[in-house]
């Protein structure tokens, strides 16, 4: 199994929130969780090419081809999942110019968890 790093773009079985199925789709690694004797886990954010329904905090990936993506895409920071690394396949890397925007959104989520309240409250 290859090692993955934060900012890797992967093809993963991303879970739906409203159905008991998974769809293989691109996702962005924001955390690698390694534990002795347990499978490596990845915290990933959904990547989508669906531009007709933008969500708050979506981050456009301007040069999708350089990132290894097949179509114009965005990071959907509102959708996060935990995936076993063994189920993932690396397809590219998030360009450096988009990383700060992702870090800012993840920092807001992290601080709301620390403060015990949902983001935006």
PDB file of N, CA and C in Angstrom:
ATOM      1  N   UNK A   1       0.855  -1.184   0.000  1.00  0.00           N
ATOM      2  CA  UNK A   1       0.000   0.000   0.000  1.00  0.00           C
ATOM      3  C   UNK A   1       0.894   1.239   0.000  1.00  0.00           C
ATOM      4  N   UNK A   2       0.662   2.170  -0.924  1.00  0.00           N
ATOM      5  CA  UNK A   2       1.481   3.381  -0.948  1.00  0.00           C
ATOM      6  C   UNK A   2       1.157   4.286   0.232  1.00  0.00           C
ATOM      7  N   UNK A   3       2.153   5.075   0.642  1.00  0.00           N
ATOM      8  CA  UNK A   3       1.909   6.060   1.690  1.00  0.00           C
ATOM      9  C   UNK A   3       1.252   7.285   1.084  1.00  0.00           C
ATOM     10  N   UNK A   4       0.313   7.849   1.798  1.00  0.00           N
ATOM     11  CA  UNK A   4      -0.358   9.053   1.326  1.00  0.00           C
ATOM     12  C   UNK A   4       0.031  10.216   2.209  1.00  0.00           C
ATOM     13  N   UNK A   5      -0.089  11.429   1.668  1.00  0.00           N
ATOM     14  CA  UNK A   5       0.259  12.647   2.391  1.00  0.00           C
ATOM     15  C   UNK A   5      -0.890  13.643   2.296  1.00  0.00           C
ATOM     16  N   UNK A   6      -0.902  14.558   3.256  1.00  0.00           N
ATOM     17  CA  UNK A   6      -1.835  15.679   3.189  1.00  0.00           C
ATOM     18  C   UNK A   6      -1.604  16.387   1.857  1.00  0.00           C
ATOM     19  N   UNK A   7      -2.674  16.794   1.213  1.00  0.00           N
ATOM     20  CA  UNK A   7      -2.757  17.465  -0.092  1.00  0.00           C
ATOM     21  C   UNK A   7      -2.810  16.499  -1.258  1.00  0.00           C
ATOM     22  N   UNK A   8      -2.667  15.192  -1.016  1.00  0.00           N
ATOM     23  CA  UNK A   8      -2.847  14.244  -2.112  1.00  0.00           C
ATOM     24  C   UNK A   8      -4.312  14.246  -2.541  1.00  0.00           C
ATOM     25  N   UNK A   9      -4.529  14.144  -3.834  1.00  0.00           N
ATOM     26  CA  UNK A   9      -5.866  13.917  -4.383  1.00  0.00           C
ATOM     27  C   UNK A   9      -5.959  12.435  -4.707  1.00  0.00           C
ATOM     28  N   UNK A  10      -7.034  11.820  -4.244  1.00  0.00           N
ATOM     29  CA  UNK A  10      -7.201  10.380  -4.363  1.00  0.00           C
ATOM     30  C   UNK A  10      -8.526  10.045  -5.019  1.00  0.00           C
ATOM     31  N   UNK A  11      -8.622   8.840  -5.517  1.00  0.00           N
ATOM     32  CA  UNK A  11      -9.908   8.267  -5.904  1.00  0.00           C
ATOM     33  C   UNK A  11     -10.281   7.317  -4.775  1.00  0.00           C
ATOM     34  N   UNK A  12     -11.431   7.566  -4.143  1.00  0.00           N
ATOM     35  CA  UNK A  12     -11.835   6.798  -2.958  1.00  0.00           C
ATOM     36  C   UNK A  12     -13.321   6.439  -3.036  1.00  0.00           C
ATOM     37  N   UNK A  13     -13.742   5.422  -2.282  1.00  0.00           N
ATOM     38  CA  UNK A  13     -15.174   5.131  -2.164  1.00  0.00           C
ATOM     39  C   UNK A  13     -15.793   6.082  -1.148  1.00  0.00           C
ATOM     40  N   UNK A  14     -16.301   7.213  -1.624  1.00  0.00           N
ATOM     41  CA  UNK A  14     -16.824   8.256  -0.738  1.00  0.00           C
ATOM     42  C   UNK A  14     -18.269   7.925  -0.378  1.00  0.00           C
ATOM     43  N   UNK A  15     -18.616   7.941   0.913  1.00  0.00           N
ATOM     44  CA  UNK A  15     -19.983   7.586   1.317  1.00  0.00           C
ATOM     45  C   UNK A  15     -20.983   8.697   1.007  1.00  0.00           C
ATOM     46  N   UNK A  16     -22.180   8.311   0.643  1.00  0.00           N
ATOM     47  CA  UNK A  16     -23.289   9.253   0.531  1.00  0.00           C
ATOM     48  C   UNK A  16     -23.839   9.510   1.929  1.00  0.00           C
ATOM     49  N   UNK A  17     -24.424  10.672   2.139  1.00  0.00           N
ATOM     50  CA  UNK A  17     -25.034  10.953   3.439  1.00  0.00           C
ATOM     51  C   UNK A  17     -26.472  10.469   3.504  1.00  0.00           C
ATOM     52  N   UNK A  18     -27.105  10.290   2.351  1.00  0.00           N
ATOM     53  CA  UNK A  18     -28.528   9.940   2.352  1.00  0.00           C
ATOM     54  C   UNK A  18     -28.839   8.549   1.796  1.00  0.00           C
ATOM     55  N   UNK A  19     -27.790   7.757   1.506  1.00  0.00           N
ATOM     56  CA  UNK A  19     -27.999   6.396   0.998  1.00  0.00           C
ATOM     57  C   UNK A  19     -26.889   5.488   1.517  1.00  0.00           C
ATOM     58  N   UNK A  20     -27.180   4.194   1.669  1.00  0.00           N
ATOM     59  CA  UNK A  20     -26.157   3.276   2.182  1.00  0.00           C
ATOM     60  C   UNK A  20     -25.244   2.736   1.078  1.00  0.00           C
ATOM     61  N   UNK A  21     -24.738   3.630   0.223  1.00  0.00           N
ATOM     62  CA  UNK A  21     -23.830   3.231  -0.856  1.00  0.00           C
ATOM     63  C   UNK A  21     -22.637   4.178  -0.870  1.00  0.00           C
ATOM     64  N   UNK A  22     -21.620   3.758  -1.595  1.00  0.00           N
ATOM     65  CA  UNK A  22     -20.436   4.595  -1.779  1.00  0.00           C
ATOM     66  C   UNK A  22     -20.188   4.738  -3.277  1.00  0.00           C
ATOM     67  N   UNK A  23     -19.681   5.903  -3.656  1.00  0.00           N
ATOM     68  CA  UNK A  23     -19.353   6.154  -5.055  1.00  0.00           C
ATOM     69  C   UNK A  23     -17.874   6.491  -5.130  1.00  0.00           C
ATOM     70  N   UNK A  24     -17.158   5.870  -6.066  1.00  0.00           N
ATOM     71  CA  UNK A  24     -15.747   6.213  -6.232  1.00  0.00           C
ATOM     72  C   UNK A  24     -15.658   7.599  -6.850  1.00  0.00           C
ATOM     73  N   UNK A  25     -14.947   8.467  -6.150  1.00  0.00           N
ATOM     74  CA  UNK A  25     -14.843   9.853  -6.588  1.00  0.00           C
ATOM     75  C   UNK A  25     -13.545  10.443  -6.052  1.00  0.00           C
ATOM     76  N   UNK A  26     -13.138  11.596  -6.580  1.00  0.00           N
ATOM     77  CA  UNK A  26     -11.940  12.247  -6.061  1.00  0.00           C
ATOM     78  C   UNK A  26     -12.178  12.803  -4.658  1.00  0.00           C
ATOM     79  N   UNK A  27     -11.106  12.825  -3.877  1.00  0.00           N
ATOM     80  CA  UNK A  27     -11.149  13.391  -2.529  1.00  0.00           C
ATOM     81  C   UNK A  27      -9.762  13.921  -2.186  1.00  0.00           C
ATOM     82  N   UNK A  28      -9.723  14.866  -1.259  1.00  0.00           N
ATOM     83  CA  UNK A  28      -8.484  15.513  -0.836  1.00  0.00           C
ATOM     84  C   UNK A  28      -8.112  15.044   0.565  1.00  0.00           C
ATOM     85  N   UNK A  29      -6.887  14.580   0.740  1.00  0.00           N
ATOM     86  CA  UNK A  29      -6.411  14.149   2.058  1.00  0.00           C
ATOM     87  C   UNK A  29      -6.098  15.375   2.913  1.00  0.00           C
ATOM     88  N   UNK A  30      -6.713  15.445   4.110  1.00  0.00           N
ATOM     89  CA  UNK A  30      -6.395  16.512   5.059  1.00  0.00           C
ATOM     90  C   UNK A  30      -5.756  15.970   6.336  1.00  0.00           C
ATOM     91  N   UNK A  31      -5.744  14.648   6.507  1.00  0.00           N
ATOM     92  CA  UNK A  31      -5.101  14.039   7.680  1.00  0.00           C
ATOM     93  C   UNK A  31      -4.861  12.566   7.387  1.00  0.00           C
ATOM     94  N   UNK A  32      -3.677  12.089   7.765  1.00  0.00           N
ATOM     95  CA  UNK A  32      -3.335  10.671   7.695  1.00  0.00           C
ATOM     96  C   UNK A  32      -3.249  10.175   9.126  1.00  0.00           C
ATOM     97  N   UNK A  33      -4.011   9.135   9.460  1.00  0.00           N
ATOM     98  CA  UNK A  33      -4.049   8.592  10.820  1.00  0.00           C
ATOM     99  C   UNK A  33      -3.420   7.206  10.783  1.00  0.00           C
ATOM    100  N   UNK A  34      -2.252   7.082  11.446  1.00  0.00           N
ATOM    101  CA  UNK A  34      -1.563   5.798  11.499  1.00  0.00           C
ATOM    102  C   UNK A  34      -1.540   5.314  12.935  1.00  0.00           C
ATOM    103  N   UNK A  35      -1.854   4.030  13.108  1.00  0.00           N
ATOM    104  CA  UNK A  35      -1.874   3.442  14.438  1.00  0.00           C
ATOM    105  C   UNK A  35      -1.325   2.029  14.341  1.00  0.00           C
ATOM    106  N   UNK A  36      -0.408   1.683  15.231  1.00  0.00           N
ATOM    107  CA  UNK A  36       0.201   0.354  15.202  1.00  0.00           C
ATOM    108  C   UNK A  36      -0.871  -0.726  15.295  1.00  0.00           C
ATOM    109  N   UNK A  37      -0.812  -1.680  14.385  1.00  0.00           N
ATOM    110  CA  UNK A  37      -1.743  -2.796  14.412  1.00  0.00           C
ATOM    111  C   UNK A  37      -3.112  -2.513  13.837  1.00  0.00           C
ATOM    112  N   UNK A  38      -3.336  -1.315  13.351  1.00  0.00           N
ATOM    113  CA  UNK A  38      -4.640  -0.959  12.774  1.00  0.00           C
ATOM    114  C   UNK A  38      -4.421  -0.452  11.351  1.00  0.00           C
ATOM    115  N   UNK A  39      -5.448  -0.532  10.511  1.00  0.00           N
ATOM    116  CA  UNK A  39      -5.291  -0.002   9.151  1.00  0.00           C
ATOM    117  C   UNK A  39      -5.089   1.514   9.178  1.00  0.00           C
ATOM    118  N   UNK A  40      -4.274   2.006   8.246  1.00  0.00           N
ATOM    119  CA  UNK A  40      -4.122   3.454   8.116  1.00  0.00           C
ATOM    120  C   UNK A  40      -5.451   4.045   7.656  1.00  0.00           C
ATOM    121  N   UNK A  41      -5.806   5.182   8.256  1.00  0.00           N
ATOM    122  CA  UNK A  41      -7.037   5.880   7.902  1.00  0.00           C
ATOM    123  C   UNK A  41      -6.705   7.238   7.315  1.00  0.00           C
ATOM    124  N   UNK A  42      -7.583   7.729   6.457  1.00  0.00           N
ATOM    125  CA  UNK A  42      -7.425   9.040   5.842  1.00  0.00           C
ATOM    126  C   UNK A  42      -8.675   9.858   6.100  1.00  0.00           C
ATOM    127  N   UNK A  43      -8.483  11.102   6.546  1.00  0.00           N
ATOM    128  CA  UNK A  43      -9.589  12.051   6.599  1.00  0.00           C
ATOM    129  C   UNK A  43      -9.546  12.774   5.268  1.00  0.00           C
ATOM    130  N   UNK A  44     -10.649  12.744   4.549  1.00  0.00           N
ATOM    131  CA  UNK A  44     -10.676  13.334   3.214  1.00  0.00           C
ATOM    132  C   UNK A  44     -11.863  14.272   3.049  1.00  0.00           C
ATOM    133  N   UNK A  45     -11.669  15.281   2.210  1.00  0.00           N
ATOM    134  CA  UNK A  45     -12.738  16.189   1.807  1.00  0.00           C
ATOM    135  C   UNK A  45     -13.172  15.801   0.397  1.00  0.00           C
ATOM    136  N   UNK A  46     -14.451  15.875   0.157  1.00  0.00           N
ATOM    137  CA  UNK A  46     -15.006  15.542  -1.153  1.00  0.00           C
ATOM    138  C   UNK A  46     -14.512  16.532  -2.212  1.00  0.00           C
ATOM    139  N   UNK A  47     -14.246  16.010  -3.402  1.00  0.00           N
ATOM    140  CA  UNK A  47     -13.950  16.836  -4.568  1.00  0.00           C
ATOM    141  C   UNK A  47     -15.046  16.545  -5.585  1.00  0.00           C
ATOM    142  N   UNK A  48     -15.627  17.604  -6.145  1.00  0.00           N
ATOM    143  CA  UNK A  48     -16.747  17.431  -7.071  1.00  0.00           C
ATOM    144  C   UNK A  48     -16.584  18.312  -8.299  1.00  0.00           C
ATOM    145  N   UNK A  49     -17.166  17.869  -9.392  1.00  0.00           N
ATOM    146  CA  UNK A  49     -17.194  18.697 -10.603  1.00  0.00           C
ATOM    147  C   UNK A  49     -18.550  19.372 -10.754  1.00  0.00           C
ATOM    148  N   UNK A  50     -19.433  19.173  -9.810  1.00  0.00           N
ATOM    149  CA  UNK A  50     -20.778  19.745  -9.861  1.00  0.00           C
ATOM    150  C   UNK A  50     -20.729  21.232  -9.521  1.00  0.00           C
ATOM    151  N   UNK A  51     -20.734  22.070 -10.553  1.00  0.00           N
ATOM    152  CA  UNK A  51     -20.631  23.513 -10.315  1.00  0.00           C
ATOM    153  C   UNK A  51     -21.991  24.201 -10.314  1.00  0.00           C
ATOM    154  N   UNK A  52     -23.053  23.484 -10.657  1.00  0.00           N
ATOM    155  CA  UNK A  52     -24.368  24.139 -10.721  1.00  0.00           C
ATOM    156  C   UNK A  52     -24.973  24.359  -9.338  1.00  0.00           C
ATOM    157  N   UNK A  53     -24.468  23.670  -8.333  1.00  0.00           N
ATOM    158  CA  UNK A  53     -24.965  23.863  -6.962  1.00  0.00           C
ATOM    159  C   UNK A  53     -23.777  24.143  -6.050  1.00  0.00           C
ATOM    160  N   UNK A  54     -23.380  25.375  -5.973  1.00  0.00           N
ATOM    161  CA  UNK A  54     -22.248  25.728  -5.106  1.00  0.00           C
ATOM    162  C   UNK A  54     -22.696  25.746  -3.658  1.00  0.00           C
ATOM    163  N   UNK A  55     -21.794  25.341  -2.789  1.00  0.00           N
ATOM    164  CA  UNK A  55     -22.020  25.382  -1.352  1.00  0.00           C
ATOM    165  C   UNK A  55     -21.081  26.418  -0.752  1.00  0.00           C
ATOM    166  N   UNK A  56     -21.440  26.905   0.432  1.00  0.00           N
ATOM    167  CA  UNK A  56     -20.544  27.817   1.146  1.00  0.00           C
ATOM    168  C   UNK A  56     -19.212  27.107   1.367  1.00  0.00           C
ATOM    169  N   UNK A  57     -18.138  27.818   1.205  1.00  0.00           N
ATOM    170  CA  UNK A  57     -16.770  27.330   1.433  1.00  0.00           C
ATOM    171  C   UNK A  57     -16.271  26.336   0.390  1.00  0.00           C
ATOM    172  N   UNK A  58     -16.956  26.168  -0.750  1.00  0.00           N
ATOM    173  CA  UNK A  58     -16.380  25.395  -1.851  1.00  0.00           C
ATOM    174  C   UNK A  58     -15.135  26.127  -2.342  1.00  0.00           C
ATOM    175  N   UNK A  59     -14.100  25.377  -2.685  1.00  0.00           N
ATOM    176  CA  UNK A  59     -12.843  25.968  -3.151  1.00  0.00           C
ATOM    177  C   UNK A  59     -12.554  25.438  -4.554  1.00  0.00           C
ATOM    178  N   UNK A  60     -12.566  26.337  -5.545  1.00  0.00           N
ATOM    179  CA  UNK A  60     -12.308  25.947  -6.929  1.00  0.00           C
ATOM    180  C   UNK A  60     -10.865  25.498  -7.102  1.00  0.00           C
ATOM    181  N   UNK A  61     -10.682  24.468  -7.922  1.00  0.00           N
ATOM    182  CA  UNK A  61      -9.349  24.013  -8.317  1.00  0.00           C
ATOM    183  C   UNK A  61      -9.164  24.495  -9.750  1.00  0.00           C
ATOM    184  N   UNK A  62      -8.413  25.584  -9.905  1.00  0.00           N
ATOM    185  CA  UNK A  62      -8.307  26.250 -11.202  1.00  0.00           C
ATOM    186  C   UNK A  62      -7.691  25.366 -12.284  1.00  0.00           C
ATOM    187  N   UNK A  63      -6.534  24.772 -12.003  1.00  0.00           N
ATOM    188  CA  UNK A  63      -5.856  23.954 -13.007  1.00  0.00           C
ATOM    189  C   UNK A  63      -6.108  22.482 -12.700  1.00  0.00           C
ATOM    190  N   UNK A  64      -7.302  22.020 -13.055  1.00  0.00           N
ATOM    191  CA  UNK A  64      -7.707  20.659 -12.694  1.00  0.00           C
ATOM    192  C   UNK A  64      -6.818  19.604 -13.346  1.00  0.00           C
ATOM    193  N   UNK A  65      -6.332  19.859 -14.552  1.00  0.00           N
ATOM    194  CA  UNK A  65      -5.479  18.868 -15.224  1.00  0.00           C
ATOM    195  C   UNK A  65      -4.160  18.690 -14.481  1.00  0.00           C
ATOM    196  N   UNK A  66      -3.556  19.782 -14.048  1.00  0.00           N
ATOM    197  CA  UNK A  66      -2.296  19.690 -13.300  1.00  0.00           C
ATOM    198  C   UNK A  66      -2.495  18.972 -11.970  1.00  0.00           C
ATOM    199  N   UNK A  67      -3.711  19.056 -11.417  1.00  0.00           N
ATOM    200  CA  UNK A  67      -4.018  18.392 -10.149  1.00  0.00           C
ATOM    201  C   UNK A  67      -4.319  16.906 -10.337  1.00  0.00           C
ATOM    202  N   UNK A  68      -4.462  16.455 -11.591  1.00  0.00           N
ATOM    203  CA  UNK A  68      -4.762  15.052 -11.858  1.00  0.00           C
ATOM    204  C   UNK A  68      -6.242  14.742 -11.948  1.00  0.00           C
ATOM    205  N   UNK A  69      -7.058  15.786 -12.102  1.00  0.00           N
ATOM    206  CA  UNK A  69      -8.515  15.606 -12.141  1.00  0.00           C
ATOM    207  C   UNK A  69      -9.018  15.595 -13.585  1.00  0.00           C
ATOM    208  N   UNK A  70     -10.096  14.853 -13.866  1.00  0.00           N
ATOM    209  CA  UNK A  70     -10.581  14.742 -15.242  1.00  0.00           C
ATOM    210  C   UNK A  70     -11.448  15.905 -15.720  1.00  0.00           C
ATOM    211  N   UNK A  71     -11.911  16.759 -14.803  1.00  0.00           N
ATOM    212  CA  UNK A  71     -12.831  17.842 -15.175  1.00  0.00           C
ATOM    213  C   UNK A  71     -12.650  19.010 -14.211  1.00  0.00           C
ATOM    214  N   UNK A  72     -13.110  20.224 -14.590  1.00  0.00           N
ATOM    215  CA  UNK A  72     -13.069  21.343 -13.643  1.00  0.00           C
ATOM    216  C   UNK A  72     -13.753  20.923 -12.342  1.00  0.00           C
ATOM    217  N   UNK A  73     -13.098  21.183 -11.226  1.00  0.00           N
ATOM    218  CA  UNK A  73     -13.569  20.654  -9.942  1.00  0.00           C
ATOM    219  C   UNK A  73     -13.401  21.655  -8.824  1.00  0.00           C
ATOM    220  N   UNK A  74     -13.998  21.306  -7.683  1.00  0.00           N
ATOM    221  CA  UNK A  74     -13.849  22.105  -6.470  1.00  0.00           C
ATOM    222  C   UNK A  74     -13.776  21.177  -5.267  1.00  0.00           C
ATOM    223  N   UNK A  75     -13.119  21.658  -4.214  1.00  0.00           N
ATOM    224  CA  UNK A  75     -13.096  20.942  -2.946  1.00  0.00           C
ATOM    225  C   UNK A  75     -14.355  21.342  -2.199  1.00  0.00           C
ATOM    226  N   UNK A  76     -15.161  20.373  -1.837  1.00  0.00           N
ATOM    227  CA  UNK A  76     -16.389  20.617  -1.070  1.00  0.00           C
ATOM    228  C   UNK A  76     -16.033  20.386   0.398  1.00  0.00           C
ATOM    229  N   UNK A  77     -15.625  21.468   1.071  1.00  0.00           N
ATOM    230  CA  UNK A  77     -15.104  21.364   2.435  1.00  0.00           C
ATOM    231  C   UNK A  77     -16.161  20.963   3.452  1.00  0.00           C
ATOM    232  N   UNK A  78     -17.435  21.067   3.102  1.00  0.00           N
ATOM    233  CA  UNK A  78     -18.503  20.682   4.029  1.00  0.00           C
ATOM    234  C   UNK A  78     -18.667  19.169   4.125  1.00  0.00           C
ATOM    235  N   UNK A  79     -18.059  18.421   3.207  1.00  0.00           N
ATOM    236  CA  UNK A  79     -18.212  16.961   3.211  1.00  0.00           C
ATOM    237  C   UNK A  79     -16.869  16.313   3.514  1.00  0.00           C
ATOM    238  N   UNK A  80     -16.778  15.731   4.700  1.00  0.00           N
ATOM    239  CA  UNK A  80     -15.560  15.072   5.152  1.00  0.00           C
ATOM    240  C   UNK A  80     -15.896  13.623   5.486  1.00  0.00           C
ATOM    241  N   UNK A  81     -14.947  12.724   5.214  1.00  0.00           N
ATOM    242  CA  UNK A  81     -15.161  11.302   5.494  1.00  0.00           C
ATOM    243  C   UNK A  81     -13.857  10.686   5.979  1.00  0.00           C
ATOM    244  N   UNK A  82     -13.973   9.549   6.638  1.00  0.00           N
ATOM    245  CA  UNK A  82     -12.820   8.742   7.026  1.00  0.00           C
ATOM    246  C   UNK A  82     -12.815   7.507   6.130  1.00  0.00           C
ATOM    247  N   UNK A  83     -11.690   7.280   5.467  1.00  0.00           N
ATOM    248  CA  UNK A  83     -11.549   6.210   4.483  1.00  0.00           C
ATOM    249  C   UNK A  83     -10.334   5.369   4.858  1.00  0.00           C
ATOM    250  N   UNK A  84     -10.406   4.060   4.669  1.00  0.00           N
ATOM    251  CA  UNK A  84      -9.219   3.222   4.847  1.00  0.00           C
ATOM    252  C   UNK A  84      -8.271   3.477   3.681  1.00  0.00           C
ATOM    253  N   UNK A  85      -6.998   3.696   4.013  1.00  0.00           N
ATOM    254  CA  UNK A  85      -6.004   4.005   2.988  1.00  0.00           C
ATOM    255  C   UNK A  85      -5.903   2.897   1.939  1.00  0.00           C
ATOM    256  N   UNK A  86      -6.138   1.668   2.334  1.00  0.00           N
ATOM    257  CA  UNK A  86      -6.057   0.544   1.395  1.00  0.00           C
ATOM    258  C   UNK A  86      -7.082   0.662   0.268  1.00  0.00           C
ATOM    259  N   UNK A  87      -8.142   1.443   0.473  1.00  0.00           N
ATOM    260  CA  UNK A  87      -9.194   1.608  -0.534  1.00  0.00           C
ATOM    261  C   UNK A  87      -8.952   2.792  -1.465  1.00  0.00           C
ATOM    262  N   UNK A  88      -7.837   3.493  -1.302  1.00  0.00           N
ATOM    263  CA  UNK A  88      -7.593   4.736  -2.039  1.00  0.00           C
ATOM    264  C   UNK A  88      -6.538   4.545  -3.128  1.00  0.00           C
ATOM    265  N   UNK A  89      -6.665   5.368  -4.164  1.00  0.00           N
ATOM    266  CA  UNK A  89      -5.695   5.390  -5.255  1.00  0.00           C
ATOM    267  C   UNK A  89      -5.314   6.844  -5.517  1.00  0.00           C
ATOM    268  N   UNK A  90      -4.015   7.144  -5.483  1.00  0.00           N
ATOM    269  CA  UNK A  90      -3.554   8.520  -5.703  1.00  0.00           C
ATOM    270  C   UNK A  90      -3.730   8.899  -7.170  1.00  0.00           C
ATOM    271  N   UNK A  91      -4.294  10.117  -7.395  1.00  0.00           N
ATOM    272  CA  UNK A  91      -4.460  10.608  -8.765  1.00  0.00           C
ATOM    273  C   UNK A  91      -3.738  11.933  -9.003  1.00  0.00           C
ATOM    274  N   UNK A  92      -3.313  12.613  -7.933  1.00  0.00           N
ATOM    275  CA  UNK A  92      -2.638  13.894  -8.099  1.00  0.00           C
ATOM    276  C   UNK A  92      -2.420  14.589  -6.777  1.00  0.00           C
ATOM    277  N   UNK A  93      -2.181  15.897  -6.859  1.00  0.00           N
ATOM    278  CA  UNK A  93      -1.907  16.721  -5.684  1.00  0.00           C
ATOM    279  C   UNK A  93      -2.620  18.060  -5.835  1.00  0.00           C
ATOM    280  N   UNK A  94      -3.169  18.571  -4.730  1.00  0.00           N
ATOM    281  CA  UNK A  94      -3.802  19.887  -4.768  1.00  0.00           C
ATOM    282  C   UNK A  94      -2.728  20.947  -4.989  1.00  0.00           C
ATOM    283  N   UNK A  95      -2.894  21.813  -5.989  1.00  0.00           N
ATOM    284  CA  UNK A  95      -1.911  22.866  -6.225  1.00  0.00           C
ATOM    285  C   UNK A  95      -1.726  23.753  -4.988  1.00  0.00           C
ATOM    286  N   UNK A  96      -0.505  24.203  -4.784  1.00  0.00           N
ATOM    287  CA  UNK A  96      -0.141  24.975  -3.589  1.00  0.00           C
ATOM    288  C   UNK A  96      -1.000  26.220  -3.407  1.00  0.00           C
ATOM    289  N   UNK A  97      -1.440  26.846  -4.504  1.00  0.00           N
ATOM    290  CA  UNK A  97      -2.193  28.100  -4.372  1.00  0.00           C
ATOM    291  C   UNK A  97      -3.574  27.911  -3.744  1.00  0.00           C
ATOM    292  N   UNK A  98      -4.055  26.674  -3.617  1.00  0.00           N
ATOM    293  CA  UNK A  98      -5.372  26.428  -3.012  1.00  0.00           C
ATOM    294  C   UNK A  98      -5.287  25.931  -1.573  1.00  0.00           C
ATOM    295  N   UNK A  99      -4.107  25.625  -1.118  1.00  0.00           N
ATOM    296  CA  UNK A  99      -3.957  24.993   0.198  1.00  0.00           C
ATOM    297  C   UNK A  99      -4.312  25.916   1.352  1.00  0.00           C
ATOM    298  N   UNK A 100      -3.982  27.180   1.256  1.00  0.00           N
ATOM    299  CA  UNK A 100      -4.289  28.130   2.335  1.00  0.00           C
ATOM    300  C   UNK A 100      -5.798  28.233   2.550  1.00  0.00           C
ATOM    301  N   UNK A 101      -6.560  28.283   1.469  1.00  0.00           N
ATOM    302  CA  UNK A 101      -8.021  28.374   1.592  1.00  0.00           C
ATOM    303  C   UNK A 101      -8.582  27.136   2.289  1.00  0.00           C
ATOM    304  N   UNK A 102      -8.071  25.956   1.950  1.00  0.00           N
ATOM    305  CA  UNK A 102      -8.517  24.725   2.613  1.00  0.00           C
ATOM    306  C   UNK A 102      -8.133  24.764   4.088  1.00  0.00           C
ATOM    307  N   UNK A 103      -6.901  25.187   4.387  1.00  0.00           N
ATOM    308  CA  UNK A 103      -6.453  25.255   5.787  1.00  0.00           C
ATOM    309  C   UNK A 103      -7.339  26.182   6.609  1.00  0.00           C
ATOM    310  N   UNK A 104      -7.764  27.297   6.030  1.00  0.00           N
ATOM    311  CA  UNK A 104      -8.623  28.231   6.768  1.00  0.00           C
ATOM    312  C   UNK A 104      -9.961  27.599   7.125  1.00  0.00           C
ATOM    313  N   UNK A 105     -10.566  26.884   6.192  1.00  0.00           N
ATOM    314  CA  UNK A 105     -11.859  26.245   6.468  1.00  0.00           C
ATOM    315  C   UNK A 105     -11.694  25.131   7.499  1.00  0.00           C
ATOM    316  N   UNK A 106     -10.658  24.317   7.358  1.00  0.00           N
ATOM    317  CA  UNK A 106     -10.420  23.234   8.316  1.00  0.00           C
ATOM    318  C   UNK A 106     -10.107  23.807   9.696  1.00  0.00           C
ATOM    319  N   UNK A 107      -9.414  24.937   9.757  1.00  0.00           N
ATOM    320  CA  UNK A 107      -9.114  25.576  11.047  1.00  0.00           C
ATOM    321  C   UNK A 107     -10.392  26.042  11.739  1.00  0.00           C
ATOM    322  N   UNK A 108     -11.353  26.551  10.985  1.00  0.00           N
ATOM    323  CA  UNK A 108     -12.633  26.963  11.567  1.00  0.00           C
ATOM    324  C   UNK A 108     -13.342  25.751  12.156  1.00  0.00           C
ATOM    325  N   UNK A 109     -13.351  24.641  11.424  1.00  0.00           N
ATOM    326  CA  UNK A 109     -13.960  23.411  11.931  1.00  0.00           C
ATOM    327  C   UNK A 109     -13.255  22.949  13.204  1.00  0.00           C
ATOM    328  N   UNK A 110     -11.948  22.957  13.180  1.00  0.00           N
ATOM    329  CA  UNK A 110     -11.168  22.519  14.340  1.00  0.00           C
ATOM    330  C   UNK A 110     -11.427  23.396  15.556  1.00  0.00           C
ATOM    331  N   UNK A 111     -11.476  24.705  15.363  1.00  0.00           N
ATOM    332  CA  UNK A 111     -11.705  25.597  16.505  1.00  0.00           C
ATOM    333  C   UNK A 111     -13.124  25.447  17.042  1.00  0.00           C
ATOM    334  N   UNK A 112     -14.110  25.160  16.158  1.00  0.00           N
ATOM    335  CA  UNK A 112     -15.466  24.959  16.673  1.00  0.00           C
ATOM    336  C   UNK A 112     -15.567  23.681  17.481  1.00  0.00           C
ATOM    337  N   UNK A 113     -14.827  22.659  17.091  1.00  0.00           N
ATOM    338  CA  UNK A 113     -14.809  21.431  17.889  1.00  0.00           C
ATOM    339  C   UNK A 113     -14.179  21.693  19.251  1.00  0.00           C
ATOM    340  N   UNK A 114     -13.113  22.470  19.241  1.00  0.00           N
ATOM    341  CA  UNK A 114     -12.417  22.795  20.488  1.00  0.00           C
ATOM    342  C   UNK A 114     -13.322  23.611  21.408  1.00  0.00           C
ATOM    343  N   UNK A 115     -14.105  24.515  20.817  1.00  0.00           N
ATOM    344  CA  UNK A 115     -14.975  25.383  21.611  1.00  0.00           C
ATOM    345  C   UNK A 115     -16.315  24.724  21.943  1.00  0.00           C
ATOM    346  N   UNK A 116     -16.601  23.576  21.336  1.00  0.00           N
ATOM    347  CA  UNK A 116     -17.831  22.853  21.630  1.00  0.00           C
ATOM    348  C   UNK A 116     -19.079  23.412  20.988  1.00  0.00           C
ATOM    349  N   UNK A 117     -18.924  24.140  19.876  1.00  0.00           N
ATOM    350  CA  UNK A 117     -20.115  24.653  19.202  1.00  0.00           C
ATOM    351  C   UNK A 117     -19.980  24.443  17.699  1.00  0.00           C
ATOM    352  N   UNK A 118     -21.095  24.334  16.986  1.00  0.00           N
ATOM    353  CA  UNK A 118     -21.040  24.149  15.536  1.00  0.00           C
ATOM    354  C   UNK A 118     -20.448  25.375  14.848  1.00  0.00           C
ATOM    355  N   UNK A 119     -19.794  25.182  13.673  1.00  0.00           N
ATOM    356  CA  UNK A 119     -19.277  26.324  12.923  1.00  0.00           C
ATOM    357  C   UNK A 119     -20.386  27.319  12.620  1.00  0.00           C
ATOM    358  N   UNK A 120     -20.055  28.586  12.655  1.00  0.00           N
ATOM    359  CA  UNK A 120     -21.010  29.637  12.335  1.00  0.00           C
ATOM    360  C   UNK A 120     -21.865  30.084  13.497  1.00  0.00           C
ATOM    361  N   UNK A 121     -21.650  29.522  14.689  1.00  0.00           N
ATOM    362  CA  UNK A 121     -22.452  29.940  15.842  1.00  0.00           C
ATOM    363  C   UNK A 121     -21.570  30.587  16.879  1.00  0.00           C
TER     364      UNK A 121
END
